[in-house]
């Protein structure tokens, strides 16, 4: 049936996009870990929050605090700090407990914060204390909320930075695999056995979702790559375009794949799941 043929073409293209997106996500995660991108952005955000851009004063004391040191791995700053831990560490630095007198009282904390030498930090923290209405627990909750609000900006920085990396990786992967959308679509349309085989692989894939958190998942990606090679999906530079017109179409096809891959694996997995559910089980187009 014509409808079944088109459906399998679409499933095949989406599956290729999803697989390439997984490879891109995996490489992006490796890059992020190597360069400690999350930890660097978090530290930058905390320095801004504590009005210590050089990280030599309050920010340094913060990262040297025992609560924060406990989150470090192999001497590297943490990539995630719970808001409660932030509040406890910061308040302990600014208003340390007196071992003889015990914890500071609300008025004592307010007086100490009012004497902070860094004006912008003082201006940020005093409203948090005033808003607590003499409730000490509320002070800590307000500091947590302050931290969480700041972390939204940090998340935005990270997403912007990684999005640029993802686009670059998508381009590199598309070119490296010669994943030309126009060429792949044409091959699926003309080869019934190919599109039926890839559709079957796609059905298997959605039954066993991949998470990049574990090593076996990377092995699964490699398995799907090998299966696509076995069914002779034309991924690779087996021949190069011969004329200007062919090169124009090749560049267009690669750019289409780049844009698609940059949308991310979750997007394509959800779409793949929807289209595979429309495909009659066990019915393969042989025309």
C-alpha atoms as a PDB file:
ATOM      1  CA  UNK A   1       0.000   0.000   0.000  1.00  0.00           C
ATOM      2  CA  UNK A   2       1.141   3.532  -0.794  1.00  0.00           C
ATOM      3  CA  UNK A   3       0.346   4.721   2.739  1.00  0.00           C
ATOM      4  CA  UNK A   4       2.386   1.927   4.288  1.00  0.00           C
ATOM      5  CA  UNK A   5       5.289   2.739   1.981  1.00  0.00           C
ATOM      6  CA  UNK A   6       5.355   6.425   2.975  1.00  0.00           C
ATOM      7  CA  UNK A   7       4.975   5.505   6.650  1.00  0.00           C
ATOM      8  CA  UNK A   8       8.013   3.226   6.530  1.00  0.00           C
ATOM      9  CA  UNK A   9      10.040   5.923   4.757  1.00  0.00           C
ATOM     10  CA  UNK A  10       9.163   8.403   7.517  1.00  0.00           C
ATOM     11  CA  UNK A  11       9.959   5.850  10.248  1.00  0.00           C
ATOM     12  CA  UNK A  12      13.306   5.116   8.628  1.00  0.00           C
ATOM     13  CA  UNK A  13      14.290   8.790   8.420  1.00  0.00           C
ATOM     14  CA  UNK A  14      13.199   9.481  12.006  1.00  0.00           C
ATOM     15  CA  UNK A  15      15.125   6.439  13.223  1.00  0.00           C
ATOM     16  CA  UNK A  16      18.313   7.678  11.529  1.00  0.00           C
ATOM     17  CA  UNK A  17      17.810  11.140  13.057  1.00  0.00           C
ATOM     18  CA  UNK A  18      17.274   9.575  16.499  1.00  0.00           C
ATOM     19  CA  UNK A  19      20.372   7.405  16.276  1.00  0.00           C
ATOM     20  CA  UNK A  20      22.574  10.305  15.141  1.00  0.00           C
ATOM     21  CA  UNK A  21      21.074  12.470  17.905  1.00  0.00           C
ATOM     22  CA  UNK A  22      22.020   9.813  20.459  1.00  0.00           C
ATOM     23  CA  UNK A  23      25.596   9.852  19.182  1.00  0.00           C
ATOM     24  CA  UNK A  24      25.614  13.649  19.387  1.00  0.00           C
ATOM     25  CA  UNK A  25      24.211  13.586  22.940  1.00  0.00           C
ATOM     26  CA  UNK A  26      26.786  11.023  24.007  1.00  0.00           C
ATOM     27  CA  UNK A  27      29.675  13.085  22.627  1.00  0.00           C
ATOM     28  CA  UNK A  28      28.248  16.237  24.189  1.00  0.00           C
ATOM     29  CA  UNK A  29      28.098  14.550  27.585  1.00  0.00           C
ATOM     30  CA  UNK A  30      31.701  13.376  27.248  1.00  0.00           C
ATOM     31  CA  UNK A  31      32.824  16.909  26.357  1.00  0.00           C
ATOM     32  CA  UNK A  32      30.860  18.322  29.282  1.00  0.00           C
ATOM     33  CA  UNK A  33      32.532  15.914  31.700  1.00  0.00           C
ATOM     34  CA  UNK A  34      36.048  16.442  30.350  1.00  0.00           C
ATOM     35  CA  UNK A  35      35.807  20.216  30.638  1.00  0.00           C
ATOM     36  CA  UNK A  36      33.642  20.179  33.810  1.00  0.00           C
ATOM     37  CA  UNK A  37      31.209  22.542  32.105  1.00  0.00           C
ATOM     38  CA  UNK A  38      28.397  22.153  34.626  1.00  0.00           C
ATOM     39  CA  UNK A  39      30.753  22.683  37.562  1.00  0.00           C
ATOM     40  CA  UNK A  40      32.307  25.752  35.924  1.00  0.00           C
ATOM     41  CA  UNK A  41      28.927  27.332  35.219  1.00  0.00           C
ATOM     42  CA  UNK A  42      27.765  26.557  38.752  1.00  0.00           C
ATOM     43  CA  UNK A  43      30.873  28.179  40.225  1.00  0.00           C
ATOM     44  CA  UNK A  44      30.394  31.204  37.986  1.00  0.00           C
ATOM     45  CA  UNK A  45      26.805  31.513  39.191  1.00  0.00           C
ATOM     46  CA  UNK A  46      27.806  31.255  42.859  1.00  0.00           C
ATOM     47  CA  UNK A  47      30.540  33.853  42.410  1.00  0.00           C
ATOM     48  CA  UNK A  48      27.986  36.232  40.914  1.00  0.00           C
ATOM     49  CA  UNK A  49      25.522  35.471  43.686  1.00  0.00           C
ATOM     50  CA  UNK A  50      28.087  36.131  46.418  1.00  0.00           C
ATOM     51  CA  UNK A  51      29.508  39.214  44.653  1.00  0.00           C
ATOM     52  CA  UNK A  52      32.956  37.620  44.421  1.00  0.00           C
ATOM     53  CA  UNK A  53      33.790  37.527  40.685  1.00  0.00           C
ATOM     54  CA  UNK A  54      37.415  36.505  41.268  1.00  0.00           C
ATOM     55  CA  UNK A  55      36.483  33.705  43.659  1.00  0.00           C
ATOM     56  CA  UNK A  56      39.086  34.770  46.200  1.00  0.00           C
ATOM     57  CA  UNK A  57      36.926  35.838  49.130  1.00  0.00           C
ATOM     58  CA  UNK A  58      33.457  34.647  50.132  1.00  0.00           C
ATOM     59  CA  UNK A  59      33.168  32.234  47.189  1.00  0.00           C
ATOM     60  CA  UNK A  60      36.488  30.660  48.162  1.00  0.00           C
ATOM     61  CA  UNK A  61      35.328  30.257  51.774  1.00  0.00           C
ATOM     62  CA  UNK A  62      32.107  28.737  50.455  1.00  0.00           C
ATOM     63  CA  UNK A  63      33.887  26.104  48.354  1.00  0.00           C
ATOM     64  CA  UNK A  64      36.269  25.394  51.223  1.00  0.00           C
ATOM     65  CA  UNK A  65      33.379  24.768  53.635  1.00  0.00           C
ATOM     66  CA  UNK A  66      33.160  21.160  54.821  1.00  0.00           C
ATOM     67  CA  UNK A  67      29.595  20.760  53.488  1.00  0.00           C
ATOM     68  CA  UNK A  68      30.745  21.721  49.985  1.00  0.00           C
ATOM     69  CA  UNK A  69      34.053  19.872  50.141  1.00  0.00           C
ATOM     70  CA  UNK A  70      32.061  16.721  50.760  1.00  0.00           C
ATOM     71  CA  UNK A  71      30.400  17.135  47.372  1.00  0.00           C
ATOM     72  CA  UNK A  72      33.686  17.376  45.481  1.00  0.00           C
ATOM     73  CA  UNK A  73      34.890  14.406  43.436  1.00  0.00           C
ATOM     74  CA  UNK A  74      38.570  13.847  42.791  1.00  0.00           C
ATOM     75  CA  UNK A  75      39.326  17.385  43.926  1.00  0.00           C
ATOM     76  CA  UNK A  76      36.947  18.953  41.374  1.00  0.00           C
ATOM     77  CA  UNK A  77      34.200  21.356  42.342  1.00  0.00           C
ATOM     78  CA  UNK A  78      30.700  19.822  42.358  1.00  0.00           C
ATOM     79  CA  UNK A  79      28.462  20.169  39.323  1.00  0.00           C
ATOM     80  CA  UNK A  80      25.373  20.235  41.558  1.00  0.00           C
ATOM     81  CA  UNK A  81      24.761  21.704  45.019  1.00  0.00           C
ATOM     82  CA  UNK A  82      21.406  21.183  46.799  1.00  0.00           C
ATOM     83  CA  UNK A  83      19.786  24.463  47.785  1.00  0.00           C
ATOM     84  CA  UNK A  84      19.592  23.376  51.428  1.00  0.00           C
ATOM     85  CA  UNK A  85      23.315  22.653  51.483  1.00  0.00           C
ATOM     86  CA  UNK A  86      24.006  26.057  49.941  1.00  0.00           C
ATOM     87  CA  UNK A  87      21.922  27.813  52.597  1.00  0.00           C
ATOM     88  CA  UNK A  88      23.496  25.914  55.496  1.00  0.00           C
ATOM     89  CA  UNK A  89      27.053  26.490  54.262  1.00  0.00           C
ATOM     90  CA  UNK A  90      26.555  30.177  53.476  1.00  0.00           C
ATOM     91  CA  UNK A  91      24.812  30.992  56.746  1.00  0.00           C
ATOM     92  CA  UNK A  92      27.466  29.091  58.681  1.00  0.00           C
ATOM     93  CA  UNK A  93      30.152  31.203  57.005  1.00  0.00           C
ATOM     94  CA  UNK A  94      28.377  34.526  57.501  1.00  0.00           C
ATOM     95  CA  UNK A  95      26.935  33.812  60.954  1.00  0.00           C
ATOM     96  CA  UNK A  96      28.977  30.937  62.431  1.00  0.00           C
ATOM     97  CA  UNK A  97      27.592  29.223  65.504  1.00  0.00           C
ATOM     98  CA  UNK A  98      29.147  30.045  68.837  1.00  0.00           C
ATOM     99  CA  UNK A  99      30.233  26.800  70.493  1.00  0.00           C
ATOM    100  CA  UNK A 100      29.555  28.308  73.905  1.00  0.00           C
ATOM    101  CA  UNK A 101      26.404  30.233  73.137  1.00  0.00           C
ATOM    102  CA  UNK A 102      24.985  27.925  70.481  1.00  0.00           C
ATOM    103  CA  UNK A 103      23.228  28.993  67.290  1.00  0.00           C
ATOM    104  CA  UNK A 104      22.694  32.646  66.525  1.00  0.00           C
ATOM    105  CA  UNK A 105      19.297  34.134  67.199  1.00  0.00           C
ATOM    106  CA  UNK A 106      17.282  35.938  64.555  1.00  0.00           C
ATOM    107  CA  UNK A 107      18.236  39.468  65.664  1.00  0.00           C
ATOM    108  CA  UNK A 108      21.911  38.506  65.889  1.00  0.00           C
ATOM    109  CA  UNK A 109      21.854  37.168  62.335  1.00  0.00           C
ATOM    110  CA  UNK A 110      20.155  40.327  61.080  1.00  0.00           C
ATOM    111  CA  UNK A 111      22.762  42.526  62.768  1.00  0.00           C
ATOM    112  CA  UNK A 112      25.637  40.490  61.308  1.00  0.00           C
ATOM    113  CA  UNK A 113      24.196  40.601  57.785  1.00  0.00           C
ATOM    114  CA  UNK A 114      23.634  44.367  58.110  1.00  0.00           C
ATOM    115  CA  UNK A 115      27.376  44.750  58.712  1.00  0.00           C
ATOM    116  CA  UNK A 116      28.491  42.801  55.624  1.00  0.00           C
ATOM    117  CA  UNK A 117      31.082  44.885  53.805  1.00  0.00           C
ATOM    118  CA  UNK A 118      29.935  43.874  50.317  1.00  0.00           C
ATOM    119  CA  UNK A 119      27.036  46.244  49.677  1.00  0.00           C
ATOM    120  CA  UNK A 120      25.328  44.294  46.881  1.00  0.00           C
ATOM    121  CA  UNK A 121      25.410  41.068  48.886  1.00  0.00           C
ATOM    122  CA  UNK A 122      24.065  42.863  51.937  1.00  0.00           C
ATOM    123  CA  UNK A 123      21.302  44.447  49.863  1.00  0.00           C
ATOM    124  CA  UNK A 124      20.360  41.008  48.534  1.00  0.00           C
ATOM    125  CA  UNK A 125      20.323  39.223  51.890  1.00  0.00           C
ATOM    126  CA  UNK A 126      18.641  41.778  54.151  1.00  0.00           C
ATOM    127  CA  UNK A 127      15.242  41.482  52.389  1.00  0.00           C
ATOM    128  CA  UNK A 128      15.494  37.697  52.725  1.00  0.00           C
ATOM    129  CA  UNK A 129      15.898  38.091  56.478  1.00  0.00           C
ATOM    130  CA  UNK A 130      13.239  40.777  56.851  1.00  0.00           C
ATOM    131  CA  UNK A 131      10.796  38.637  54.895  1.00  0.00           C
ATOM    132  CA  UNK A 132      11.327  35.796  57.394  1.00  0.00           C
ATOM    133  CA  UNK A 133       9.399  37.746  60.087  1.00  0.00           C
ATOM    134  CA  UNK A 134      11.574  36.630  63.005  1.00  0.00           C
ATOM    135  CA  UNK A 135      11.391  32.944  62.018  1.00  0.00           C
ATOM    136  CA  UNK A 136      14.882  31.474  61.834  1.00  0.00           C
ATOM    137  CA  UNK A 137      13.854  28.492  59.704  1.00  0.00           C
ATOM    138  CA  UNK A 138      12.229  30.886  57.242  1.00  0.00           C
ATOM    139  CA  UNK A 139      15.574  32.682  56.811  1.00  0.00           C
ATOM    140  CA  UNK A 140      17.133  29.471  55.548  1.00  0.00           C
ATOM    141  CA  UNK A 141      14.150  28.795  53.274  1.00  0.00           C
ATOM    142  CA  UNK A 142      14.444  32.277  51.776  1.00  0.00           C
ATOM    143  CA  UNK A 143      18.167  31.773  51.133  1.00  0.00           C
ATOM    144  CA  UNK A 144      17.317  28.476  49.411  1.00  0.00           C
ATOM    145  CA  UNK A 145      14.779  30.218  47.188  1.00  0.00           C
ATOM    146  CA  UNK A 146      17.335  32.921  46.396  1.00  0.00           C
ATOM    147  CA  UNK A 147      19.814  30.245  45.345  1.00  0.00           C
ATOM    148  CA  UNK A 148      17.235  28.359  43.255  1.00  0.00           C
ATOM    149  CA  UNK A 149      16.287  31.528  41.385  1.00  0.00           C
ATOM    150  CA  UNK A 150      19.941  32.194  40.600  1.00  0.00           C
ATOM    151  CA  UNK A 151      20.410  28.620  39.392  1.00  0.00           C
ATOM    152  CA  UNK A 152      17.753  29.164  36.746  1.00  0.00           C
ATOM    153  CA  UNK A 153      20.130  31.653  35.139  1.00  0.00           C
ATOM    154  CA  UNK A 154      22.983  29.155  35.444  1.00  0.00           C
ATOM    155  CA  UNK A 155      20.855  26.534  33.699  1.00  0.00           C
ATOM    156  CA  UNK A 156      20.144  29.036  30.931  1.00  0.00           C
ATOM    157  CA  UNK A 157      23.896  29.698  30.463  1.00  0.00           C
ATOM    158  CA  UNK A 158      24.578  25.985  30.276  1.00  0.00           C
ATOM    159  CA  UNK A 159      21.790  25.319  27.778  1.00  0.00           C
ATOM    160  CA  UNK A 160      22.955  28.138  25.498  1.00  0.00           C
ATOM    161  CA  UNK A 161      26.526  26.897  25.591  1.00  0.00           C
ATOM    162  CA  UNK A 162      25.636  23.251  25.018  1.00  0.00           C
ATOM    163  CA  UNK A 163      23.213  24.137  22.228  1.00  0.00           C
ATOM    164  CA  UNK A 164      26.084  25.634  20.242  1.00  0.00           C
ATOM    165  CA  UNK A 165      28.148  22.508  20.897  1.00  0.00           C
ATOM    166  CA  UNK A 166      25.234  20.268  19.886  1.00  0.00           C
ATOM    167  CA  UNK A 167      24.805  22.123  16.579  1.00  0.00           C
ATOM    168  CA  UNK A 168      28.523  21.801  15.847  1.00  0.00           C
ATOM    169  CA  UNK A 169      28.492  18.103  16.758  1.00  0.00           C
ATOM    170  CA  UNK A 170      25.392  17.571  14.609  1.00  0.00           C
ATOM    171  CA  UNK A 171      27.207  19.085  11.637  1.00  0.00           C
ATOM    172  CA  UNK A 172      30.363  17.018  12.224  1.00  0.00           C
ATOM    173  CA  UNK A 173      28.374  13.789  12.626  1.00  0.00           C
ATOM    174  CA  UNK A 174      26.227  14.481   9.566  1.00  0.00           C
ATOM    175  CA  UNK A 175      29.293  15.083   7.405  1.00  0.00           C
ATOM    176  CA  UNK A 176      31.299  12.200   8.918  1.00  0.00           C
ATOM    177  CA  UNK A 177      28.507   9.689   8.221  1.00  0.00           C
ATOM    178  CA  UNK A 178      27.476  11.390   4.980  1.00  0.00           C
ATOM    179  CA  UNK A 179      23.991  11.400   6.484  1.00  0.00           C
ATOM    180  CA  UNK A 180      22.369  13.241   3.612  1.00  0.00           C
ATOM    181  CA  UNK A 181      18.614  13.482   4.264  1.00  0.00           C
ATOM    182  CA  UNK A 182      17.755  13.727   0.561  1.00  0.00           C
ATOM    183  CA  UNK A 183      19.897  10.721  -0.348  1.00  0.00           C
ATOM    184  CA  UNK A 184      18.621   8.601   2.551  1.00  0.00           C
ATOM    185  CA  UNK A 185      14.986   9.473   1.769  1.00  0.00           C
ATOM    186  CA  UNK A 186      15.477   8.490  -1.859  1.00  0.00           C
ATOM    187  CA  UNK A 187      17.040   5.150  -0.867  1.00  0.00           C
ATOM    188  CA  UNK A 188      14.190   4.368   1.505  1.00  0.00           C
ATOM    189  CA  UNK A 189      11.608   5.245  -1.116  1.00  0.00           C
ATOM    190  CA  UNK A 190      13.164   3.091  -3.830  1.00  0.00           C
ATOM    191  CA  UNK A 191      14.189   0.073  -1.720  1.00  0.00           C
ATOM    192  CA  UNK A 192      11.236  -1.738  -0.093  1.00  0.00           C
ATOM    193  CA  UNK A 193      13.461  -4.288   1.672  1.00  0.00           C
ATOM    194  CA  UNK A 194      15.636  -1.543   3.147  1.00  0.00           C
ATOM    195  CA  UNK A 195      12.784   0.516   4.550  1.00  0.00           C
ATOM    196  CA  UNK A 196      11.026  -2.579   5.948  1.00  0.00           C
ATOM    197  CA  UNK A 197      14.248  -3.720   7.643  1.00  0.00           C
ATOM    198  CA  UNK A 198      14.941  -0.314   9.184  1.00  0.00           C
ATOM    199  CA  UNK A 199      11.314  -0.031  10.326  1.00  0.00           C
ATOM    200  CA  UNK A 200      11.715  -3.399  12.079  1.00  0.00           C
ATOM    201  CA  UNK A 201      14.909  -2.176  13.780  1.00  0.00           C
ATOM    202  CA  UNK A 202      13.015   0.952  14.850  1.00  0.00           C
ATOM    203  CA  UNK A 203      10.259  -1.171  16.415  1.00  0.00           C
ATOM    204  CA  UNK A 204      12.868  -3.052  18.415  1.00  0.00           C
ATOM    205  CA  UNK A 205      14.467   0.229  19.495  1.00  0.00           C
ATOM    206  CA  UNK A 206      11.322   1.733  21.019  1.00  0.00           C
ATOM    207  CA  UNK A 207      10.780  -1.434  23.064  1.00  0.00           C
ATOM    208  CA  UNK A 208      14.237  -0.985  24.616  1.00  0.00           C
ATOM    209  CA  UNK A 209      14.722   2.756  25.250  1.00  0.00           C
ATOM    210  CA  UNK A 210      18.342   3.893  25.491  1.00  0.00           C
ATOM    211  CA  UNK A 211      19.728   5.921  28.370  1.00  0.00           C
ATOM    212  CA  UNK A 212      23.180   7.436  27.978  1.00  0.00           C
ATOM    213  CA  UNK A 213      23.878   7.073  31.683  1.00  0.00           C
ATOM    214  CA  UNK A 214      25.361   3.600  31.351  1.00  0.00           C
ATOM    215  CA  UNK A 215      28.014   1.904  29.247  1.00  0.00           C
ATOM    216  CA  UNK A 216      25.658  -0.828  27.887  1.00  0.00           C
ATOM    217  CA  UNK A 217      23.585   1.939  26.312  1.00  0.00           C
ATOM    218  CA  UNK A 218      26.569   3.034  24.237  1.00  0.00           C
ATOM    219  CA  UNK A 219      26.965  -0.576  23.147  1.00  0.00           C
ATOM    220  CA  UNK A 220      23.317  -0.532  22.064  1.00  0.00           C
ATOM    221  CA  UNK A 221      23.958   2.525  19.891  1.00  0.00           C
ATOM    222  CA  UNK A 222      26.863   0.706  18.277  1.00  0.00           C
ATOM    223  CA  UNK A 223      24.615  -2.327  17.703  1.00  0.00           C
ATOM    224  CA  UNK A 224      22.032  -0.219  15.852  1.00  0.00           C
ATOM    225  CA  UNK A 225      24.783   1.301  13.723  1.00  0.00           C
ATOM    226  CA  UNK A 226      25.985  -2.148  12.766  1.00  0.00           C
ATOM    227  CA  UNK A 227      22.441  -3.285  11.970  1.00  0.00           C
ATOM    228  CA  UNK A 228      21.984  -0.316   9.632  1.00  0.00           C
ATOM    229  CA  UNK A 229      25.221  -1.211   7.873  1.00  0.00           C
ATOM    230  CA  UNK A 230      24.059  -4.821   7.546  1.00  0.00           C
ATOM    231  CA  UNK A 231      20.864  -3.762   5.779  1.00  0.00           C
ATOM    232  CA  UNK A 232      23.059  -1.566   3.558  1.00  0.00           C
ATOM    233  CA  UNK A 233      21.752   1.837   4.545  1.00  0.00           C
ATOM    234  CA  UNK A 234      24.011   4.206   2.581  1.00  0.00           C
ATOM    235  CA  UNK A 235      25.785   5.953   5.444  1.00  0.00           C
ATOM    236  CA  UNK A 236      29.355   6.796   4.466  1.00  0.00           C
ATOM    237  CA  UNK A 237      31.342   8.440   1.689  1.00  0.00           C
ATOM    238  CA  UNK A 238      31.254   5.620  -0.832  1.00  0.00           C
ATOM    239  CA  UNK A 239      31.160   8.139  -3.671  1.00  0.00           C
ATOM    240  CA  UNK A 240      31.357  11.904  -3.941  1.00  0.00           C
ATOM    241  CA  UNK A 241      29.146  14.289  -5.939  1.00  0.00           C
ATOM    242  CA  UNK A 242      30.360  14.866  -9.481  1.00  0.00           C
ATOM    243  CA  UNK A 243      29.018  18.280 -10.393  1.00  0.00           C
ATOM    244  CA  UNK A 244      28.069  21.607  -8.874  1.00  0.00           C
ATOM    245  CA  UNK A 245      24.385  20.690  -8.865  1.00  0.00           C
ATOM    246  CA  UNK A 246      25.106  17.433  -7.063  1.00  0.00           C
ATOM    247  CA  UNK A 247      27.240  19.251  -4.483  1.00  0.00           C
ATOM    248  CA  UNK A 248      24.475  21.790  -3.877  1.00  0.00           C
ATOM    249  CA  UNK A 249      21.988  18.980  -3.209  1.00  0.00           C
ATOM    250  CA  UNK A 250      24.555  17.190  -1.018  1.00  0.00           C
ATOM    251  CA  UNK A 251      25.149  20.291   1.113  1.00  0.00           C
ATOM    252  CA  UNK A 252      21.393  20.849   1.401  1.00  0.00           C
ATOM    253  CA  UNK A 253      20.854  17.244   2.474  1.00  0.00           C
ATOM    254  CA  UNK A 254      23.605  17.447   5.092  1.00  0.00           C
ATOM    255  CA  UNK A 255      22.278  20.743   6.450  1.00  0.00           C
ATOM    256  CA  UNK A 256      18.795  19.267   6.782  1.00  0.00           C
ATOM    257  CA  UNK A 257      20.260  16.401   8.814  1.00  0.00           C
ATOM    258  CA  UNK A 258      22.283  18.823  10.940  1.00  0.00           C
ATOM    259  CA  UNK A 259      19.185  20.815  11.858  1.00  0.00           C
ATOM    260  CA  UNK A 260      17.245  17.618  12.583  1.00  0.00           C
ATOM    261  CA  UNK A 261      19.964  16.085  14.785  1.00  0.00           C
ATOM    262  CA  UNK A 262      20.315  19.323  16.767  1.00  0.00           C
ATOM    263  CA  UNK A 263      16.690  18.939  17.912  1.00  0.00           C
ATOM    264  CA  UNK A 264      17.846  16.162  20.230  1.00  0.00           C
ATOM    265  CA  UNK A 265      17.229  12.472  20.810  1.00  0.00           C
ATOM    266  CA  UNK A 266      14.146  12.839  23.092  1.00  0.00           C
ATOM    267  CA  UNK A 267      12.289  14.760  20.371  1.00  0.00           C
ATOM    268  CA  UNK A 268      12.956  12.103  17.731  1.00  0.00           C
ATOM    269  CA  UNK A 269      12.284   9.183  20.085  1.00  0.00           C
ATOM    270  CA  UNK A 270       8.827  10.553  20.922  1.00  0.00           C
ATOM    271  CA  UNK A 271       8.102  11.081  17.232  1.00  0.00           C
ATOM    272  CA  UNK A 272       9.439   7.638  16.360  1.00  0.00           C
ATOM    273  CA  UNK A 273       7.191   6.046  18.963  1.00  0.00           C
ATOM    274  CA  UNK A 274       4.121   7.784  17.504  1.00  0.00           C
ATOM    275  CA  UNK A 275       4.829   6.744  13.911  1.00  0.00           C
ATOM    276  CA  UNK A 276       5.797   3.165  14.756  1.00  0.00           C
ATOM    277  CA  UNK A 277       2.483   2.782  16.594  1.00  0.00           C
ATOM    278  CA  UNK A 278       0.733   3.587  13.298  1.00  0.00           C
ATOM    279  CA  UNK A 279       2.506   0.763  11.485  1.00  0.00           C
ATOM    280  CA  UNK A 280       0.526  -2.518  11.309  1.00  0.00           C
ATOM    281  CA  UNK A 281       2.508  -5.165  13.196  1.00  0.00           C
ATOM    282  CA  UNK A 282       3.899  -7.876  10.982  1.00  0.00           C
ATOM    283  CA  UNK A 283       2.841  -6.176   7.749  1.00  0.00           C
ATOM    284  CA  UNK A 284       5.805  -5.182   5.637  1.00  0.00           C
ATOM    285  CA  UNK A 285       5.587  -3.457   2.288  1.00  0.00           C
ATOM    286  CA  UNK A 286       7.217  -5.634  -0.350  1.00  0.00           C
ATOM    287  CA  UNK A 287       6.385  -3.510  -3.369  1.00  0.00           C
END
